[in-house]
């Protein structure tokens, strides 16, 4: 991470888009920080436009948020997360056994809720 010396329009867009996308995916700053291997304060500073991530970190951040780097820098807001993208984010970083377990639990809960609607 490198410090931003001034809050340019690009930095403002980046900080806004990161914060909006993180919130739309229901992630905390701590969860994003863990996925990136940085501290929570670093994510907070990016979202406030106080720090600009390196290109490598920006690329990793885009991956965690399931966007392209260009989406994080776009003038319009970063695309809202669909339910599938949100679930995909929750699965990120889990090994195959844990992913399978979590997906099976989701399937079972969805089937149960569907059966209740028919009562």
N, C-alpha and C. Protein backbone atom coordinates (compact mmCIF):
# COMPACT_ATOMS: atom_id res chain seq x y z
N UNK A 1 0.84 -1.17 0.00
CA UNK A 1 0.00 0.00 0.00
C UNK A 1 0.89 1.24 0.00
N UNK A 2 0.46 2.23 -0.74
CA UNK A 2 1.15 3.50 -0.71
C UNK A 2 0.16 4.58 -0.32
N UNK A 3 0.62 5.57 0.42
CA UNK A 3 -0.26 6.61 0.89
C UNK A 3 -0.66 7.52 -0.26
N UNK A 4 -1.88 7.97 -0.21
CA UNK A 4 -2.37 8.93 -1.19
C UNK A 4 -2.02 10.32 -0.72
N UNK A 5 -1.40 11.10 -1.58
CA UNK A 5 -1.03 12.45 -1.18
C UNK A 5 -2.19 13.41 -1.39
N UNK A 6 -3.08 13.09 -2.27
CA UNK A 6 -4.28 13.91 -2.48
C UNK A 6 -5.41 12.99 -2.90
N UNK A 7 -6.62 13.45 -2.65
CA UNK A 7 -7.78 12.63 -2.97
C UNK A 7 -8.29 13.00 -4.36
N UNK A 8 -7.73 12.37 -5.36
CA UNK A 8 -8.10 12.64 -6.74
C UNK A 8 -9.46 12.00 -7.04
N UNK A 9 -10.10 12.38 -8.12
CA UNK A 9 -11.37 11.73 -8.48
C UNK A 9 -11.24 10.21 -8.62
N UNK A 10 -10.11 9.75 -9.13
CA UNK A 10 -9.89 8.31 -9.27
C UNK A 10 -9.84 7.63 -7.90
N UNK A 11 -9.14 8.25 -6.95
CA UNK A 11 -9.05 7.69 -5.60
C UNK A 11 -10.43 7.68 -4.95
N UNK A 12 -11.19 8.73 -5.15
CA UNK A 12 -12.55 8.80 -4.59
C UNK A 12 -13.43 7.70 -5.17
N UNK A 13 -13.33 7.48 -6.49
CA UNK A 13 -14.12 6.41 -7.11
C UNK A 13 -13.73 5.05 -6.56
N UNK A 14 -12.42 4.83 -6.48
CA UNK A 14 -11.93 3.55 -5.95
C UNK A 14 -12.46 3.32 -4.54
N UNK A 15 -12.31 4.30 -3.68
CA UNK A 15 -12.72 4.12 -2.28
C UNK A 15 -14.23 3.89 -2.18
N UNK A 16 -15.02 4.64 -2.94
CA UNK A 16 -16.47 4.47 -2.93
C UNK A 16 -16.86 3.09 -3.46
N UNK A 17 -16.26 2.68 -4.58
CA UNK A 17 -16.62 1.40 -5.18
C UNK A 17 -16.23 0.22 -4.31
N UNK A 18 -15.08 0.30 -3.65
CA UNK A 18 -14.67 -0.78 -2.75
C UNK A 18 -15.66 -0.90 -1.60
N UNK A 19 -15.99 0.23 -0.98
CA UNK A 19 -16.92 0.21 0.16
C UNK A 19 -18.30 -0.29 -0.24
N UNK A 20 -18.81 0.20 -1.36
CA UNK A 20 -20.14 -0.23 -1.81
C UNK A 20 -20.18 -1.71 -2.12
N UNK A 21 -19.17 -2.19 -2.82
CA UNK A 21 -19.15 -3.60 -3.19
C UNK A 21 -19.00 -4.49 -1.96
N UNK A 22 -18.12 -4.09 -1.05
CA UNK A 22 -17.93 -4.88 0.17
C UNK A 22 -19.24 -4.99 0.94
N UNK A 23 -19.92 -3.88 1.08
CA UNK A 23 -21.19 -3.88 1.82
C UNK A 23 -22.26 -4.68 1.10
N UNK A 24 -22.30 -4.58 -0.23
CA UNK A 24 -23.32 -5.32 -0.98
C UNK A 24 -23.11 -6.83 -0.89
N UNK A 25 -21.86 -7.23 -0.64
CA UNK A 25 -21.56 -8.65 -0.48
C UNK A 25 -21.68 -9.09 0.98
N UNK A 26 -22.05 -8.16 1.85
CA UNK A 26 -22.21 -8.43 3.29
C UNK A 26 -20.91 -8.88 3.94
N UNK A 27 -19.80 -8.32 3.50
CA UNK A 27 -18.50 -8.59 4.10
C UNK A 27 -18.12 -7.46 5.04
N UNK A 28 -17.41 -7.78 6.10
CA UNK A 28 -16.85 -6.75 6.97
C UNK A 28 -15.48 -6.35 6.44
N UNK A 29 -14.99 -5.23 6.91
CA UNK A 29 -13.64 -4.82 6.55
C UNK A 29 -12.64 -5.87 7.03
N UNK A 30 -12.90 -6.46 8.18
CA UNK A 30 -12.00 -7.48 8.72
C UNK A 30 -11.94 -8.71 7.81
N UNK A 31 -13.06 -9.11 7.24
CA UNK A 31 -13.07 -10.26 6.34
C UNK A 31 -12.29 -9.97 5.06
N UNK A 32 -12.44 -8.77 4.54
CA UNK A 32 -11.68 -8.39 3.34
C UNK A 32 -10.20 -8.34 3.68
N UNK A 33 -9.88 -7.76 4.82
CA UNK A 33 -8.48 -7.66 5.24
C UNK A 33 -7.85 -9.04 5.37
N UNK A 34 -8.57 -9.97 5.97
CA UNK A 34 -8.05 -11.33 6.13
C UNK A 34 -7.79 -11.98 4.78
N UNK A 35 -8.73 -11.81 3.85
CA UNK A 35 -8.57 -12.41 2.52
C UNK A 35 -7.37 -11.81 1.78
N UNK A 36 -7.06 -10.54 2.06
CA UNK A 36 -5.94 -9.88 1.40
C UNK A 36 -4.61 -10.05 2.15
N UNK A 37 -4.69 -10.47 3.41
CA UNK A 37 -3.48 -10.59 4.21
C UNK A 37 -2.96 -9.24 4.69
N UNK A 38 -3.89 -8.31 4.95
CA UNK A 38 -3.54 -6.99 5.48
C UNK A 38 -4.35 -6.76 6.75
N UNK A 39 -4.09 -5.67 7.45
CA UNK A 39 -4.88 -5.41 8.65
C UNK A 39 -6.15 -4.65 8.29
N UNK A 40 -7.10 -4.67 9.21
CA UNK A 40 -8.40 -4.05 8.98
C UNK A 40 -8.27 -2.55 8.73
N UNK A 41 -7.36 -1.90 9.43
CA UNK A 41 -7.17 -0.47 9.25
C UNK A 41 -6.76 -0.13 7.82
N UNK A 42 -6.01 -1.00 7.19
CA UNK A 42 -5.61 -0.77 5.80
C UNK A 42 -6.83 -0.73 4.89
N UNK A 43 -7.75 -1.66 5.08
CA UNK A 43 -8.98 -1.67 4.28
C UNK A 43 -9.79 -0.40 4.57
N UNK A 44 -9.86 -0.03 5.82
CA UNK A 44 -10.57 1.19 6.19
C UNK A 44 -9.98 2.42 5.50
N UNK A 45 -8.67 2.50 5.48
CA UNK A 45 -8.01 3.64 4.83
C UNK A 45 -8.25 3.66 3.32
N UNK A 46 -8.28 2.48 2.70
CA UNK A 46 -8.59 2.42 1.27
C UNK A 46 -10.00 2.95 1.04
N UNK A 47 -10.95 2.52 1.87
CA UNK A 47 -12.33 2.94 1.71
C UNK A 47 -12.54 4.42 2.00
N UNK A 48 -11.67 4.99 2.80
CA UNK A 48 -11.76 6.43 3.10
C UNK A 48 -10.92 7.27 2.13
N UNK A 49 -10.20 6.61 1.22
CA UNK A 49 -9.38 7.33 0.26
C UNK A 49 -8.08 7.84 0.84
N UNK A 50 -7.67 7.28 1.97
CA UNK A 50 -6.43 7.72 2.63
C UNK A 50 -5.21 6.94 2.15
N UNK A 51 -5.43 5.76 1.61
CA UNK A 51 -4.36 4.94 1.04
C UNK A 51 -4.80 4.40 -0.32
N UNK A 52 -3.84 4.29 -1.21
CA UNK A 52 -4.09 3.71 -2.53
C UNK A 52 -3.33 2.38 -2.58
N UNK A 53 -4.03 1.29 -2.89
CA UNK A 53 -3.33 0.00 -2.91
C UNK A 53 -2.37 -0.09 -4.09
N UNK A 54 -1.35 -0.91 -3.91
CA UNK A 54 -0.44 -1.20 -5.03
C UNK A 54 -1.24 -1.91 -6.11
N UNK A 55 -0.67 -1.98 -7.30
CA UNK A 55 -1.38 -2.67 -8.39
C UNK A 55 -1.64 -4.13 -8.06
N UNK A 56 -0.67 -4.78 -7.44
CA UNK A 56 -0.84 -6.19 -7.07
C UNK A 56 -1.97 -6.34 -6.05
N UNK A 57 -2.01 -5.47 -5.06
CA UNK A 57 -3.06 -5.53 -4.05
C UNK A 57 -4.41 -5.17 -4.66
N UNK A 58 -4.43 -4.20 -5.56
CA UNK A 58 -5.67 -3.82 -6.24
C UNK A 58 -6.23 -5.01 -7.02
N UNK A 59 -5.37 -5.74 -7.67
CA UNK A 59 -5.81 -6.92 -8.42
C UNK A 59 -6.37 -7.99 -7.49
N UNK A 60 -5.70 -8.22 -6.35
CA UNK A 60 -6.19 -9.19 -5.37
C UNK A 60 -7.52 -8.73 -4.77
N UNK A 61 -7.63 -7.43 -4.49
CA UNK A 61 -8.86 -6.87 -3.93
C UNK A 61 -10.02 -7.06 -4.90
N UNK A 62 -9.78 -6.80 -6.17
CA UNK A 62 -10.81 -7.00 -7.18
C UNK A 62 -11.25 -8.47 -7.20
N UNK A 63 -10.30 -9.38 -7.07
CA UNK A 63 -10.64 -10.81 -7.04
C UNK A 63 -11.50 -11.16 -5.84
N UNK A 64 -11.14 -10.65 -4.68
CA UNK A 64 -11.92 -10.92 -3.47
C UNK A 64 -13.34 -10.37 -3.61
N UNK A 65 -13.46 -9.22 -4.25
CA UNK A 65 -14.77 -8.59 -4.44
C UNK A 65 -15.47 -9.09 -5.70
N UNK A 66 -14.85 -10.04 -6.39
CA UNK A 66 -15.40 -10.67 -7.60
C UNK A 66 -15.76 -9.63 -8.67
N UNK A 67 -14.81 -8.74 -8.90
CA UNK A 67 -14.93 -7.71 -9.92
C UNK A 67 -13.63 -7.64 -10.71
N UNK A 68 -13.69 -6.96 -11.83
CA UNK A 68 -12.47 -6.62 -12.53
C UNK A 68 -11.89 -5.34 -11.94
N UNK A 69 -10.61 -5.13 -12.12
CA UNK A 69 -9.97 -3.91 -11.63
C UNK A 69 -10.67 -2.69 -12.22
N UNK A 70 -11.05 -2.77 -13.48
CA UNK A 70 -11.73 -1.64 -14.12
C UNK A 70 -13.05 -1.31 -13.43
N UNK A 71 -13.73 -2.32 -12.89
CA UNK A 71 -14.98 -2.06 -12.16
C UNK A 71 -14.73 -1.25 -10.89
N UNK A 72 -13.60 -1.52 -10.23
CA UNK A 72 -13.28 -0.78 -9.02
C UNK A 72 -12.93 0.68 -9.31
N UNK A 73 -12.49 0.95 -10.53
CA UNK A 73 -12.10 2.31 -10.90
C UNK A 73 -13.17 3.03 -11.72
N UNK A 74 -14.27 2.34 -11.99
CA UNK A 74 -15.32 2.88 -12.86
C UNK A 74 -16.00 4.09 -12.22
N UNK A 75 -16.50 4.96 -13.09
CA UNK A 75 -17.21 6.14 -12.61
C UNK A 75 -18.55 5.78 -11.99
N UNK A 76 -19.20 4.76 -12.51
CA UNK A 76 -20.46 4.32 -11.90
C UNK A 76 -20.12 3.38 -10.75
N UNK A 77 -21.09 3.17 -9.89
CA UNK A 77 -20.87 2.29 -8.74
C UNK A 77 -20.53 0.89 -9.20
N UNK A 78 -19.73 0.21 -8.37
CA UNK A 78 -19.40 -1.18 -8.66
C UNK A 78 -20.69 -1.99 -8.67
N UNK A 79 -20.77 -2.95 -9.56
CA UNK A 79 -21.99 -3.74 -9.73
C UNK A 79 -22.41 -4.37 -8.41
N UNK A 80 -23.71 -4.31 -8.10
CA UNK A 80 -24.18 -4.93 -6.86
C UNK A 80 -24.00 -6.44 -6.92
N UNK A 81 -23.83 -7.03 -5.79
CA UNK A 81 -23.61 -8.47 -5.71
C UNK A 81 -24.93 -9.22 -5.87
N UNK A 82 -24.93 -10.20 -6.71
CA UNK A 82 -26.08 -11.09 -6.79
C UNK A 82 -25.94 -12.09 -5.65
N UNK A 83 -27.01 -12.81 -5.39
CA UNK A 83 -26.94 -13.83 -4.34
C UNK A 83 -25.87 -14.86 -4.66
N UNK A 84 -25.74 -15.23 -5.93
CA UNK A 84 -24.73 -16.22 -6.31
C UNK A 84 -23.32 -15.69 -6.07
N UNK A 85 -23.09 -14.43 -6.38
CA UNK A 85 -21.77 -13.85 -6.15
C UNK A 85 -21.47 -13.78 -4.66
N UNK A 86 -22.46 -13.45 -3.86
CA UNK A 86 -22.28 -13.40 -2.41
C UNK A 86 -21.90 -14.78 -1.87
N UNK A 87 -22.62 -15.81 -2.31
CA UNK A 87 -22.31 -17.18 -1.87
C UNK A 87 -20.92 -17.57 -2.34
N UNK A 88 -20.58 -17.21 -3.57
CA UNK A 88 -19.24 -17.48 -4.08
C UNK A 88 -18.17 -16.84 -3.22
N UNK A 89 -18.44 -15.64 -2.75
CA UNK A 89 -17.49 -14.96 -1.86
C UNK A 89 -17.31 -15.68 -0.54
N UNK A 90 -18.40 -16.23 -0.02
CA UNK A 90 -18.31 -16.98 1.23
C UNK A 90 -17.49 -18.25 1.06
N UNK A 91 -17.53 -18.83 -0.14
CA UNK A 91 -16.80 -20.07 -0.40
C UNK A 91 -15.31 -19.83 -0.66
N UNK A 92 -14.97 -18.60 -1.00
CA UNK A 92 -13.59 -18.25 -1.33
C UNK A 92 -12.64 -18.64 -0.20
N UNK A 93 -11.59 -19.33 -0.55
CA UNK A 93 -10.56 -19.69 0.42
C UNK A 93 -10.82 -20.98 1.18
N UNK A 94 -11.99 -21.58 1.00
CA UNK A 94 -12.27 -22.84 1.67
C UNK A 94 -11.74 -23.99 0.83
N UNK A 95 -11.31 -25.06 1.51
CA UNK A 95 -10.89 -26.22 0.73
C UNK A 95 -12.12 -26.94 0.20
N UNK A 96 -11.92 -27.91 -0.68
CA UNK A 96 -13.04 -28.56 -1.37
C UNK A 96 -13.99 -29.25 -0.41
N UNK A 97 -13.48 -29.88 0.63
CA UNK A 97 -14.35 -30.57 1.59
C UNK A 97 -15.25 -29.57 2.31
N UNK A 98 -14.69 -28.45 2.74
CA UNK A 98 -15.49 -27.43 3.42
C UNK A 98 -16.49 -26.78 2.47
N UNK A 99 -16.08 -26.57 1.23
CA UNK A 99 -17.01 -26.00 0.24
C UNK A 99 -18.19 -26.94 0.03
N UNK A 100 -17.91 -28.23 -0.12
CA UNK A 100 -18.96 -29.22 -0.31
C UNK A 100 -19.90 -29.27 0.88
N UNK A 101 -19.33 -29.23 2.08
CA UNK A 101 -20.13 -29.24 3.30
C UNK A 101 -21.07 -28.03 3.33
N UNK A 102 -20.52 -26.85 3.07
CA UNK A 102 -21.30 -25.63 3.13
C UNK A 102 -22.40 -25.62 2.06
N UNK A 103 -22.08 -26.05 0.86
CA UNK A 103 -23.07 -26.10 -0.21
C UNK A 103 -24.18 -27.11 0.11
N UNK A 104 -23.82 -28.24 0.72
CA UNK A 104 -24.81 -29.23 1.12
C UNK A 104 -25.75 -28.65 2.19
N UNK A 105 -25.19 -27.92 3.14
CA UNK A 105 -26.02 -27.29 4.18
C UNK A 105 -26.98 -26.28 3.56
N UNK A 106 -26.49 -25.50 2.62
CA UNK A 106 -27.33 -24.51 1.95
C UNK A 106 -28.46 -25.21 1.18
N UNK A 107 -28.12 -26.29 0.48
CA UNK A 107 -29.12 -27.05 -0.26
C UNK A 107 -30.19 -27.58 0.68
N UNK A 108 -29.79 -28.16 1.81
CA UNK A 108 -30.74 -28.72 2.78
C UNK A 108 -31.66 -27.64 3.36
N UNK A 109 -31.06 -26.50 3.70
CA UNK A 109 -31.87 -25.41 4.25
C UNK A 109 -32.86 -24.88 3.23
N UNK A 110 -32.43 -24.74 1.99
CA UNK A 110 -33.32 -24.27 0.93
C UNK A 110 -34.47 -25.25 0.72
N UNK A 111 -34.17 -26.54 0.72
CA UNK A 111 -35.22 -27.56 0.55
C UNK A 111 -36.22 -27.51 1.71
N UNK A 112 -35.71 -27.36 2.91
CA UNK A 112 -36.59 -27.25 4.08
C UNK A 112 -37.50 -26.03 3.98
N UNK A 113 -36.94 -24.90 3.62
CA UNK A 113 -37.74 -23.67 3.52
C UNK A 113 -38.78 -23.77 2.41
N UNK A 114 -38.41 -24.42 1.29
CA UNK A 114 -39.38 -24.63 0.21
C UNK A 114 -40.52 -25.51 0.70
N UNK A 115 -40.22 -26.56 1.47
CA UNK A 115 -41.25 -27.48 1.96
C UNK A 115 -42.20 -26.76 2.93
N UNK A 116 -41.72 -25.82 3.67
CA UNK A 116 -42.57 -25.06 4.60
C UNK A 116 -43.54 -24.16 3.85
N UNK A 117 -43.14 -23.69 2.69
CA UNK A 117 -44.01 -22.81 1.91
C UNK A 117 -45.22 -23.56 1.37
N UNK A 118 -45.10 -24.87 1.22
CA UNK A 118 -46.18 -25.69 0.70
C UNK A 118 -47.20 -26.07 1.75
N UNK A 119 -46.91 -25.81 3.01
CA UNK A 119 -47.83 -26.20 4.12
C UNK A 119 -49.08 -25.38 4.15
